[in-house]
Amino acid sequence: MIILVSCKGKPKALPLPFINKPDFTPEWIDVNNAAYKSIHTVPAFSFTDQDGKTVTEKTVANKIYVANFIFTRCGSICPKMTANMGILQDKFKNDDEVLFLSHSVTPDIDSVPVLKEYANNKGVISGKWHLLTGNKAEIYALAKKQYYAGDTIGFYQTGNEFLHTENFLLIDKHRRGNTKT
């Protein structure tokens, strides 16, 4: 009888974990825990999107966003990642609280016009999904040291090594990483 009564209740939904270290060990930190105030946050950034507009941390302020790292000439995982990001864009296209950022890992090749053509070919909705280019060192530093993109080894690389990862990064409204998928 006790088992039947206890099974009737709806299970409590657990919050997503936070990612504070490059090894991606998930940490469930309660808002009342002192560690909550020191959760890793993605710092200020500035890149240019496919429309030539500047995208900064202000663009994603109070938004949930999914970030990834691609390049337009990629023939391996990037086309699938772009297709999957397109599915997410379609799912959340009417939700003003959700954005998508795809950073080019070959910004020397992926200029604004190249990204614009890629966006047009892939059905990217401007303002909803930003294809970003900019300074390569800044993109790689953001990817490796802030988003912890790639594997743990990527975090410890000098910054010049090619970055290519199949991961999507979920970032909350406070620019804190929640998960990598």
N, C-alpha and C. Protein backbone atom coordinates (compact mmCIF):
# COMPACT_ATOMS: atom_id res chain seq x y z
N MET A 1 0.81 -1.18 0.00
CA MET A 1 0.00 0.00 0.00
C MET A 1 0.87 1.26 0.00
N ILE A 2 1.88 1.27 0.77
CA ILE A 2 2.77 2.43 0.82
C ILE A 2 3.45 2.64 -0.53
N ILE A 3 3.84 1.59 -1.16
CA ILE A 3 4.48 1.69 -2.46
C ILE A 3 3.52 2.30 -3.48
N LEU A 4 2.28 1.87 -3.47
CA LEU A 4 1.31 2.41 -4.41
C LEU A 4 1.06 3.89 -4.18
N VAL A 5 0.98 4.30 -2.96
CA VAL A 5 0.75 5.71 -2.66
C VAL A 5 1.95 6.55 -3.07
N SER A 6 3.14 6.07 -2.80
CA SER A 6 4.33 6.86 -3.14
C SER A 6 4.57 6.91 -4.65
N CYS A 7 4.06 5.97 -5.40
CA CYS A 7 4.24 5.97 -6.85
C CYS A 7 3.28 6.91 -7.56
N LYS A 8 2.25 7.35 -6.86
CA LYS A 8 1.28 8.23 -7.49
C LYS A 8 1.82 9.64 -7.72
N GLY A 9 2.77 10.06 -6.93
CA GLY A 9 3.31 11.41 -7.05
C GLY A 9 4.15 11.56 -8.31
N LYS A 10 4.11 12.75 -8.85
CA LYS A 10 4.91 13.05 -10.04
C LYS A 10 6.37 13.23 -9.61
N PRO A 11 7.31 12.62 -10.31
CA PRO A 11 8.70 12.78 -9.92
C PRO A 11 9.14 14.24 -10.06
N LYS A 12 9.96 14.68 -9.15
CA LYS A 12 10.47 16.05 -9.17
C LYS A 12 11.49 16.19 -10.29
N ALA A 13 11.32 17.21 -11.11
CA ALA A 13 12.26 17.47 -12.19
C ALA A 13 13.56 18.03 -11.62
N LEU A 14 14.66 17.46 -12.04
CA LEU A 14 15.95 17.94 -11.59
C LEU A 14 16.44 19.06 -12.51
N PRO A 15 17.08 20.06 -11.95
CA PRO A 15 17.64 21.11 -12.82
C PRO A 15 18.83 20.57 -13.60
N LEU A 16 19.20 21.27 -14.64
CA LEU A 16 20.38 20.88 -15.40
C LEU A 16 21.63 21.18 -14.56
N PRO A 17 22.67 20.41 -14.75
CA PRO A 17 23.90 20.69 -14.01
C PRO A 17 24.65 21.86 -14.64
N PHE A 18 25.55 22.44 -13.88
CA PHE A 18 26.44 23.48 -14.39
C PHE A 18 27.77 22.85 -14.73
N ILE A 19 28.47 23.45 -15.66
CA ILE A 19 29.79 23.00 -16.06
C ILE A 19 30.78 24.09 -15.66
N ASN A 20 31.67 23.76 -14.73
CA ASN A 20 32.62 24.73 -14.22
C ASN A 20 34.06 24.45 -14.63
N LYS A 21 34.31 23.29 -15.22
CA LYS A 21 35.67 22.87 -15.53
C LYS A 21 35.71 22.21 -16.90
N PRO A 22 36.89 22.22 -17.54
CA PRO A 22 36.98 21.66 -18.89
C PRO A 22 36.78 20.15 -18.97
N ASP A 23 36.79 19.45 -17.85
CA ASP A 23 36.57 18.01 -17.90
C ASP A 23 35.07 17.67 -17.99
N PHE A 24 34.23 18.69 -17.98
CA PHE A 24 32.78 18.56 -18.11
C PHE A 24 32.15 17.69 -17.03
N THR A 25 32.71 17.73 -15.85
CA THR A 25 32.07 17.06 -14.73
C THR A 25 30.85 17.88 -14.35
N PRO A 26 29.66 17.31 -14.42
CA PRO A 26 28.47 18.08 -14.09
C PRO A 26 28.39 18.36 -12.59
N GLU A 27 27.95 19.57 -12.27
CA GLU A 27 27.79 19.97 -10.87
C GLU A 27 26.37 20.50 -10.68
N TRP A 28 25.64 19.87 -9.80
CA TRP A 28 24.30 20.35 -9.45
C TRP A 28 24.48 21.26 -8.24
N ILE A 29 24.34 22.55 -8.46
CA ILE A 29 24.58 23.52 -7.40
C ILE A 29 23.28 24.24 -7.10
N ASP A 30 22.83 24.09 -5.89
CA ASP A 30 21.59 24.71 -5.45
C ASP A 30 21.78 26.22 -5.32
N VAL A 31 20.73 26.96 -5.59
CA VAL A 31 20.78 28.42 -5.51
C VAL A 31 21.17 28.90 -4.12
N ASN A 32 20.92 28.12 -3.10
CA ASN A 32 21.27 28.50 -1.72
C ASN A 32 22.68 28.12 -1.33
N ASN A 33 23.38 27.42 -2.20
CA ASN A 33 24.76 27.00 -1.93
C ASN A 33 25.69 28.18 -2.20
N ALA A 34 26.70 28.37 -1.36
CA ALA A 34 27.66 29.46 -1.54
C ALA A 34 28.37 29.37 -2.88
N ALA A 35 28.55 28.17 -3.41
CA ALA A 35 29.24 27.97 -4.69
C ALA A 35 28.42 28.50 -5.87
N TYR A 36 27.14 28.74 -5.67
CA TYR A 36 26.27 29.20 -6.75
C TYR A 36 26.77 30.52 -7.35
N LYS A 37 27.31 31.39 -6.51
CA LYS A 37 27.77 32.70 -6.97
C LYS A 37 29.07 32.61 -7.77
N SER A 38 29.74 31.47 -7.72
CA SER A 38 31.02 31.35 -8.43
C SER A 38 30.95 30.39 -9.62
N ILE A 39 29.75 30.15 -10.12
CA ILE A 39 29.60 29.30 -11.31
C ILE A 39 30.26 29.98 -12.50
N HIS A 40 31.00 29.20 -13.28
CA HIS A 40 31.70 29.73 -14.45
C HIS A 40 30.73 30.42 -15.40
N THR A 41 31.08 31.60 -15.85
CA THR A 41 30.27 32.39 -16.76
C THR A 41 31.08 32.75 -18.00
N VAL A 42 30.47 32.62 -19.16
CA VAL A 42 31.12 33.02 -20.40
C VAL A 42 31.32 34.54 -20.35
N PRO A 43 32.56 35.02 -20.55
CA PRO A 43 32.82 36.46 -20.44
C PRO A 43 32.34 37.24 -21.67
N ALA A 44 32.60 38.53 -21.64
CA ALA A 44 32.26 39.41 -22.75
C ALA A 44 32.94 38.93 -24.03
N PHE A 45 32.27 39.11 -25.15
CA PHE A 45 32.82 38.73 -26.45
C PHE A 45 32.24 39.66 -27.51
N SER A 46 32.88 39.70 -28.67
CA SER A 46 32.39 40.51 -29.77
C SER A 46 32.83 39.88 -31.09
N PHE A 47 31.83 39.50 -31.90
CA PHE A 47 32.09 38.92 -33.21
C PHE A 47 31.13 39.55 -34.22
N THR A 48 31.29 39.21 -35.48
CA THR A 48 30.44 39.75 -36.54
C THR A 48 29.64 38.62 -37.15
N ASP A 49 28.34 38.85 -37.36
CA ASP A 49 27.50 37.79 -37.92
C ASP A 49 27.37 37.91 -39.44
N GLN A 50 26.57 37.03 -40.00
CA GLN A 50 26.39 36.92 -41.45
C GLN A 50 25.79 38.17 -42.08
N ASP A 51 25.22 39.04 -41.27
CA ASP A 51 24.64 40.28 -41.78
C ASP A 51 25.57 41.47 -41.55
N GLY A 52 26.78 41.20 -41.04
CA GLY A 52 27.72 42.28 -40.76
C GLY A 52 27.45 42.98 -39.45
N LYS A 53 26.54 42.44 -38.65
CA LYS A 53 26.19 43.04 -37.36
C LYS A 53 27.09 42.50 -36.26
N THR A 54 27.39 43.35 -35.30
CA THR A 54 28.19 42.95 -34.15
C THR A 54 27.31 42.19 -33.17
N VAL A 55 27.80 41.04 -32.74
CA VAL A 55 27.11 40.20 -31.76
C VAL A 55 28.00 40.13 -30.53
N THR A 56 27.45 40.52 -29.40
CA THR A 56 28.21 40.53 -28.15
C THR A 56 27.42 39.81 -27.07
N GLU A 57 27.99 39.83 -25.87
CA GLU A 57 27.28 39.26 -24.72
C GLU A 57 25.97 39.99 -24.48
N LYS A 58 25.86 41.22 -24.92
CA LYS A 58 24.60 41.97 -24.77
C LYS A 58 23.51 41.38 -25.67
N THR A 59 23.91 40.82 -26.80
CA THR A 59 22.95 40.19 -27.72
C THR A 59 22.26 39.01 -27.05
N VAL A 60 23.01 38.28 -26.21
CA VAL A 60 22.47 37.08 -25.57
C VAL A 60 22.03 37.33 -24.13
N ALA A 61 22.07 38.59 -23.69
CA ALA A 61 21.66 38.90 -22.31
C ALA A 61 20.23 38.44 -22.08
N ASN A 62 20.03 37.72 -21.00
CA ASN A 62 18.72 37.20 -20.59
C ASN A 62 18.11 36.26 -21.63
N LYS A 63 18.96 35.60 -22.40
CA LYS A 63 18.52 34.61 -23.39
C LYS A 63 19.18 33.27 -23.08
N ILE A 64 18.53 32.23 -23.47
CA ILE A 64 19.13 30.90 -23.48
C ILE A 64 19.69 30.76 -24.89
N TYR A 65 20.90 30.23 -25.01
CA TYR A 65 21.40 30.03 -26.35
C TYR A 65 22.18 28.74 -26.48
N VAL A 66 22.21 28.27 -27.71
CA VAL A 66 22.97 27.08 -28.06
C VAL A 66 24.12 27.56 -28.93
N ALA A 67 25.33 27.18 -28.57
CA ALA A 67 26.52 27.57 -29.33
C ALA A 67 27.19 26.34 -29.91
N ASN A 68 27.82 26.53 -31.05
CA ASN A 68 28.65 25.46 -31.63
C ASN A 68 29.76 26.09 -32.46
N PHE A 69 30.62 25.24 -32.98
CA PHE A 69 31.79 25.67 -33.74
C PHE A 69 31.85 24.86 -35.03
N ILE A 70 31.82 25.58 -36.15
CA ILE A 70 31.75 24.94 -37.47
C ILE A 70 32.66 25.69 -38.44
N PHE A 71 32.73 25.24 -39.68
CA PHE A 71 33.28 26.03 -40.77
C PHE A 71 32.56 25.65 -42.04
N THR A 72 32.41 26.63 -42.91
CA THR A 72 31.54 26.46 -44.08
C THR A 72 32.05 25.46 -45.10
N ARG A 73 33.34 25.20 -45.12
CA ARG A 73 33.90 24.26 -46.10
C ARG A 73 34.04 22.85 -45.53
N CYS A 74 33.57 22.63 -44.36
CA CYS A 74 33.66 21.33 -43.70
C CYS A 74 32.82 20.30 -44.46
N GLY A 75 33.42 19.16 -44.68
CA GLY A 75 32.70 18.09 -45.37
C GLY A 75 32.41 16.91 -44.47
N SER A 76 32.73 17.03 -43.18
CA SER A 76 32.50 15.90 -42.28
C SER A 76 31.28 16.15 -41.39
N ILE A 77 31.48 16.57 -40.16
CA ILE A 77 30.39 16.67 -39.18
C ILE A 77 29.61 17.98 -39.28
N CYS A 78 30.20 19.04 -39.80
CA CYS A 78 29.53 20.34 -39.82
C CYS A 78 28.18 20.37 -40.54
N PRO A 79 28.05 19.73 -41.72
CA PRO A 79 26.74 19.75 -42.36
C PRO A 79 25.64 19.13 -41.48
N LYS A 80 25.97 18.06 -40.77
CA LYS A 80 24.98 17.44 -39.88
C LYS A 80 24.68 18.35 -38.69
N MET A 81 25.73 18.98 -38.16
CA MET A 81 25.52 19.91 -37.04
C MET A 81 24.65 21.08 -37.47
N THR A 82 24.90 21.60 -38.66
CA THR A 82 24.11 22.71 -39.18
C THR A 82 22.66 22.28 -39.38
N ALA A 83 22.45 21.09 -39.89
CA ALA A 83 21.09 20.57 -40.06
C ALA A 83 20.40 20.43 -38.70
N ASN A 84 21.12 19.93 -37.71
CA ASN A 84 20.53 19.78 -36.37
C ASN A 84 20.24 21.14 -35.73
N MET A 85 21.13 22.11 -35.94
CA MET A 85 20.86 23.45 -35.42
C MET A 85 19.64 24.03 -36.12
N GLY A 86 19.48 23.71 -37.40
CA GLY A 86 18.29 24.15 -38.14
C GLY A 86 17.01 23.58 -37.55
N ILE A 87 17.07 22.33 -37.11
CA ILE A 87 15.90 21.72 -36.47
C ILE A 87 15.57 22.48 -35.19
N LEU A 88 16.60 22.81 -34.41
CA LEU A 88 16.38 23.58 -33.18
C LEU A 88 15.83 24.97 -33.50
N GLN A 89 16.39 25.61 -34.53
CA GLN A 89 15.90 26.93 -34.92
C GLN A 89 14.41 26.86 -35.26
N ASP A 90 14.02 25.85 -36.02
CA ASP A 90 12.61 25.70 -36.38
C ASP A 90 11.73 25.48 -35.15
N LYS A 91 12.23 24.70 -34.22
CA LYS A 91 11.46 24.41 -33.00
C LYS A 91 11.26 25.67 -32.15
N PHE A 92 12.27 26.54 -32.11
CA PHE A 92 12.22 27.71 -31.22
C PHE A 92 12.15 29.04 -31.96
N LYS A 93 11.77 29.01 -33.23
CA LYS A 93 11.79 30.24 -34.03
C LYS A 93 10.87 31.33 -33.50
N ASN A 94 9.84 30.97 -32.78
CA ASN A 94 8.91 31.96 -32.23
C ASN A 94 9.16 32.24 -30.75
N ASP A 95 10.22 31.69 -30.20
CA ASP A 95 10.56 31.90 -28.79
C ASP A 95 11.66 32.95 -28.70
N ASP A 96 11.31 34.15 -28.27
CA ASP A 96 12.27 35.25 -28.21
C ASP A 96 13.34 35.07 -27.15
N GLU A 97 13.20 34.07 -26.31
CA GLU A 97 14.18 33.84 -25.25
C GLU A 97 15.28 32.87 -25.66
N VAL A 98 15.24 32.37 -26.90
CA VAL A 98 16.21 31.38 -27.36
C VAL A 98 16.92 31.88 -28.62
N LEU A 99 18.26 31.79 -28.61
CA LEU A 99 19.08 32.16 -29.76
C LEU A 99 20.07 31.04 -30.08
N PHE A 100 20.71 31.17 -31.24
CA PHE A 100 21.70 30.18 -31.68
C PHE A 100 22.93 30.92 -32.20
N LEU A 101 24.11 30.44 -31.80
CA LEU A 101 25.38 31.03 -32.23
C LEU A 101 26.25 29.93 -32.81
N SER A 102 26.64 30.07 -34.07
CA SER A 102 27.59 29.16 -34.69
C SER A 102 28.85 29.96 -35.00
N HIS A 103 29.94 29.63 -34.33
CA HIS A 103 31.21 30.32 -34.51
C HIS A 103 32.04 29.61 -35.57
N SER A 104 32.60 30.37 -36.51
CA SER A 104 33.47 29.77 -37.52
C SER A 104 34.86 29.54 -36.93
N VAL A 105 35.39 28.34 -37.15
CA VAL A 105 36.75 28.03 -36.69
C VAL A 105 37.77 28.32 -37.79
N THR A 106 37.28 28.79 -38.94
CA THR A 106 38.17 29.24 -40.02
C THR A 106 37.73 30.65 -40.44
N PRO A 107 37.83 31.61 -39.50
CA PRO A 107 37.33 32.95 -39.81
C PRO A 107 38.09 33.64 -40.93
N ASP A 108 39.32 33.21 -41.21
CA ASP A 108 40.06 33.78 -42.33
C ASP A 108 39.41 33.44 -43.67
N ILE A 109 38.69 32.34 -43.72
CA ILE A 109 37.97 31.91 -44.93
C ILE A 109 36.50 32.32 -44.85
N ASP A 110 35.93 32.19 -43.66
CA ASP A 110 34.49 32.46 -43.48
C ASP A 110 34.23 33.93 -43.19
N SER A 111 34.34 34.74 -44.25
CA SER A 111 34.06 36.17 -44.17
C SER A 111 32.55 36.38 -44.06
N VAL A 112 32.15 37.62 -43.85
CA VAL A 112 30.73 37.94 -43.77
C VAL A 112 29.99 37.50 -45.04
N PRO A 113 30.48 37.81 -46.25
CA PRO A 113 29.76 37.36 -47.45
C PRO A 113 29.67 35.83 -47.57
N VAL A 114 30.72 35.13 -47.16
CA VAL A 114 30.70 33.66 -47.21
C VAL A 114 29.66 33.14 -46.22
N LEU A 115 29.63 33.70 -45.02
CA LEU A 115 28.64 33.28 -44.03
C LEU A 115 27.22 33.62 -44.48
N LYS A 116 27.04 34.75 -45.15
CA LYS A 116 25.72 35.14 -45.64
C LYS A 116 25.22 34.14 -46.67
N GLU A 117 26.09 33.76 -47.59
CA GLU A 117 25.70 32.76 -48.60
C GLU A 117 25.37 31.42 -47.93
N TYR A 118 26.19 31.01 -46.99
CA TYR A 118 25.96 29.77 -46.24
C TYR A 118 24.61 29.85 -45.51
N ALA A 119 24.36 30.99 -44.86
CA ALA A 119 23.09 31.19 -44.14
C ALA A 119 21.91 31.07 -45.08
N ASN A 120 22.01 31.70 -46.23
CA ASN A 120 20.92 31.63 -47.21
C ASN A 120 20.68 30.20 -47.68
N ASN A 121 21.76 29.46 -47.89
CA ASN A 121 21.64 28.07 -48.35
C ASN A 121 21.11 27.12 -47.28
N LYS A 122 21.29 27.47 -46.02
CA LYS A 122 20.91 26.58 -44.92
C LYS A 122 19.64 27.01 -44.21
N GLY A 123 19.00 28.07 -44.66
CA GLY A 123 17.74 28.50 -44.05
C GLY A 123 17.90 29.18 -42.71
N VAL A 124 19.03 29.81 -42.49
CA VAL A 124 19.29 30.50 -41.23
C VAL A 124 18.42 31.76 -41.14
N ILE A 125 17.74 31.92 -40.03
CA ILE A 125 16.92 33.11 -39.79
C ILE A 125 17.79 34.15 -39.11
N SER A 126 18.04 35.25 -39.83
CA SER A 126 18.86 36.34 -39.27
C SER A 126 18.22 36.87 -37.99
N GLY A 127 19.06 37.11 -37.00
CA GLY A 127 18.58 37.60 -35.71
C GLY A 127 18.25 36.48 -34.75
N LYS A 128 17.94 35.32 -35.26
CA LYS A 128 17.65 34.15 -34.44
C LYS A 128 18.89 33.28 -34.33
N TRP A 129 19.57 33.12 -35.46
CA TRP A 129 20.74 32.27 -35.54
C TRP A 129 21.87 33.10 -36.14
N HIS A 130 22.89 33.31 -35.37
CA HIS A 130 24.03 34.13 -35.79
C HIS A 130 25.20 33.23 -36.17
N LEU A 131 25.65 33.35 -37.43
CA LEU A 131 26.87 32.68 -37.88
C LEU A 131 27.98 33.70 -37.68
N LEU A 132 28.95 33.37 -36.84
CA LEU A 132 29.92 34.36 -36.38
C LEU A 132 31.32 34.17 -36.92
N THR A 133 31.95 35.29 -37.24
CA THR A 133 33.34 35.33 -37.64
C THR A 133 34.01 36.43 -36.84
N GLY A 134 35.33 36.44 -36.89
CA GLY A 134 36.07 37.45 -36.15
C GLY A 134 37.52 37.05 -36.03
N ASN A 135 38.15 37.52 -34.99
CA ASN A 135 39.55 37.22 -34.74
C ASN A 135 39.69 35.76 -34.33
N LYS A 136 40.54 35.03 -35.07
CA LYS A 136 40.70 33.59 -34.82
C LYS A 136 41.16 33.30 -33.40
N ALA A 137 42.12 34.03 -32.91
CA ALA A 137 42.64 33.80 -31.55
C ALA A 137 41.53 33.99 -30.51
N GLU A 138 40.68 34.99 -30.73
CA GLU A 138 39.58 35.24 -29.79
C GLU A 138 38.53 34.13 -29.85
N ILE A 139 38.23 33.66 -31.06
CA ILE A 139 37.26 32.57 -31.21
C ILE A 139 37.79 31.31 -30.53
N TYR A 140 39.04 30.98 -30.79
CA TYR A 140 39.63 29.78 -30.20
C TYR A 140 39.74 29.88 -28.69
N ALA A 141 40.12 31.05 -28.18
CA ALA A 141 40.20 31.24 -26.73
C ALA A 141 38.83 31.08 -26.10
N LEU A 142 37.81 31.67 -26.72
CA LEU A 142 36.45 31.53 -26.20
C LEU A 142 36.02 30.07 -26.21
N ALA A 143 36.29 29.40 -27.32
CA ALA A 143 35.90 27.99 -27.46
C ALA A 143 36.57 27.12 -26.41
N LYS A 144 37.87 27.27 -26.29
CA LYS A 144 38.65 26.35 -25.44
C LYS A 144 38.62 26.72 -23.96
N LYS A 145 38.72 28.00 -23.66
CA LYS A 145 38.88 28.42 -22.26
C LYS A 145 37.58 28.82 -21.59
N GLN A 146 36.54 29.07 -22.37
CA GLN A 146 35.28 29.53 -21.77
C GLN A 146 34.13 28.55 -21.98
N TYR A 147 33.96 28.09 -23.22
CA TYR A 147 32.92 27.09 -23.50
C TYR A 147 33.40 25.67 -23.23
N TYR A 148 34.70 25.50 -23.11
CA TYR A 148 35.31 24.18 -22.94
C TYR A 148 34.92 23.26 -24.09
N ALA A 149 34.83 23.82 -25.29
CA ALA A 149 34.45 23.04 -26.47
C ALA A 149 35.56 22.05 -26.80
N GLY A 150 35.19 20.99 -27.42
CA GLY A 150 36.14 19.94 -27.74
C GLY A 150 36.35 19.05 -26.54
N ASP A 151 37.46 18.38 -26.54
CA ASP A 151 37.76 17.51 -25.40
C ASP A 151 38.63 18.25 -24.40
N THR A 152 38.95 17.61 -23.31
CA THR A 152 39.76 18.23 -22.27
C THR A 152 41.10 18.68 -22.81
N ILE A 153 41.66 17.94 -23.75
CA ILE A 153 42.96 18.29 -24.33
C ILE A 153 42.88 19.66 -24.99
N GLY A 154 41.76 19.96 -25.64
CA GLY A 154 41.59 21.25 -26.30
C GLY A 154 41.79 22.42 -25.36
N PHE A 155 41.38 22.25 -24.12
CA PHE A 155 41.52 23.31 -23.12
C PHE A 155 42.98 23.65 -22.89
N TYR A 156 43.84 22.65 -22.96
CA TYR A 156 45.25 22.84 -22.63
C TYR A 156 46.12 23.13 -23.84
N GLN A 157 45.55 23.14 -25.04
CA GLN A 157 46.33 23.46 -26.22
C GLN A 157 46.75 24.93 -26.18
N THR A 158 47.75 25.28 -26.98
CA THR A 158 48.27 26.64 -26.98
C THR A 158 47.32 27.63 -27.62
N GLY A 159 46.42 27.20 -28.47
CA GLY A 159 45.48 28.10 -29.11
C GLY A 159 45.59 28.08 -30.62
N ASN A 160 46.70 27.58 -31.16
CA ASN A 160 46.89 27.56 -32.60
C ASN A 160 46.40 26.27 -33.25
N GLU A 161 46.18 25.24 -32.46
CA GLU A 161 45.75 23.97 -33.00
C GLU A 161 44.32 24.08 -33.52
N PHE A 162 44.04 23.38 -34.61
CA PHE A 162 42.72 23.42 -35.23
C PHE A 162 41.66 22.92 -34.26
N LEU A 163 40.59 23.63 -34.19
CA LEU A 163 39.48 23.29 -33.30
C LEU A 163 38.34 22.75 -34.14
N HIS A 164 37.90 21.55 -33.84
CA HIS A 164 36.78 20.97 -34.56
C HIS A 164 36.06 20.06 -33.59
N THR A 165 34.85 20.38 -33.28
CA THR A 165 34.10 19.61 -32.30
C THR A 165 32.66 19.43 -32.77
N GLU A 166 32.10 18.32 -32.43
CA GLU A 166 30.72 18.03 -32.79
C GLU A 166 29.74 18.44 -31.68
N ASN A 167 30.24 19.09 -30.66
CA ASN A 167 29.41 19.42 -29.50
C ASN A 167 28.57 20.68 -29.69
N PHE A 168 27.38 20.64 -29.11
CA PHE A 168 26.53 21.82 -28.95
C PHE A 168 26.62 22.18 -27.48
N LEU A 169 26.64 23.47 -27.18
CA LEU A 169 26.76 23.92 -25.80
C LEU A 169 25.51 24.71 -25.43
N LEU A 170 24.87 24.31 -24.36
CA LEU A 170 23.67 24.98 -23.89
C LEU A 170 24.08 25.99 -22.82
N ILE A 171 23.75 27.25 -23.07
CA ILE A 171 24.14 28.33 -22.17
C ILE A 171 22.87 28.99 -21.63
N ASP A 172 22.83 29.20 -20.31
CA ASP A 172 21.61 29.75 -19.71
C ASP A 172 21.55 31.28 -19.82
N LYS A 173 20.52 31.86 -19.25
CA LYS A 173 20.27 33.30 -19.36
C LYS A 173 21.32 34.15 -18.66
N HIS A 174 22.19 33.52 -17.90
CA HIS A 174 23.25 34.24 -17.19
C HIS A 174 24.62 33.91 -17.77
N ARG A 175 24.65 33.32 -18.98
CA ARG A 175 25.86 32.92 -19.70
C ARG A 175 26.66 31.86 -18.95
N ARG A 176 25.93 30.97 -18.30
CA ARG A 176 26.57 29.84 -17.62
C ARG A 176 26.32 28.58 -18.43
N GLY A 177 27.37 27.79 -18.63
CA GLY A 177 27.23 26.55 -19.38
C GLY A 177 26.49 25.51 -18.56
N ASN A 178 25.50 24.91 -19.19
CA ASN A 178 24.74 23.88 -18.51
C ASN A 178 25.06 22.48 -18.99
N THR A 179 25.38 22.32 -20.24
CA THR A 179 25.63 20.97 -20.71
C THR A 179 26.28 21.00 -22.08
N LYS A 180 26.82 19.88 -22.47
CA LYS A 180 27.42 19.71 -23.79
C LYS A 180 26.81 18.43 -24.36
N THR A 181 26.27 18.52 -25.58
CA THR A 181 25.68 17.32 -26.18
C THR A 181 26.22 17.09 -27.57
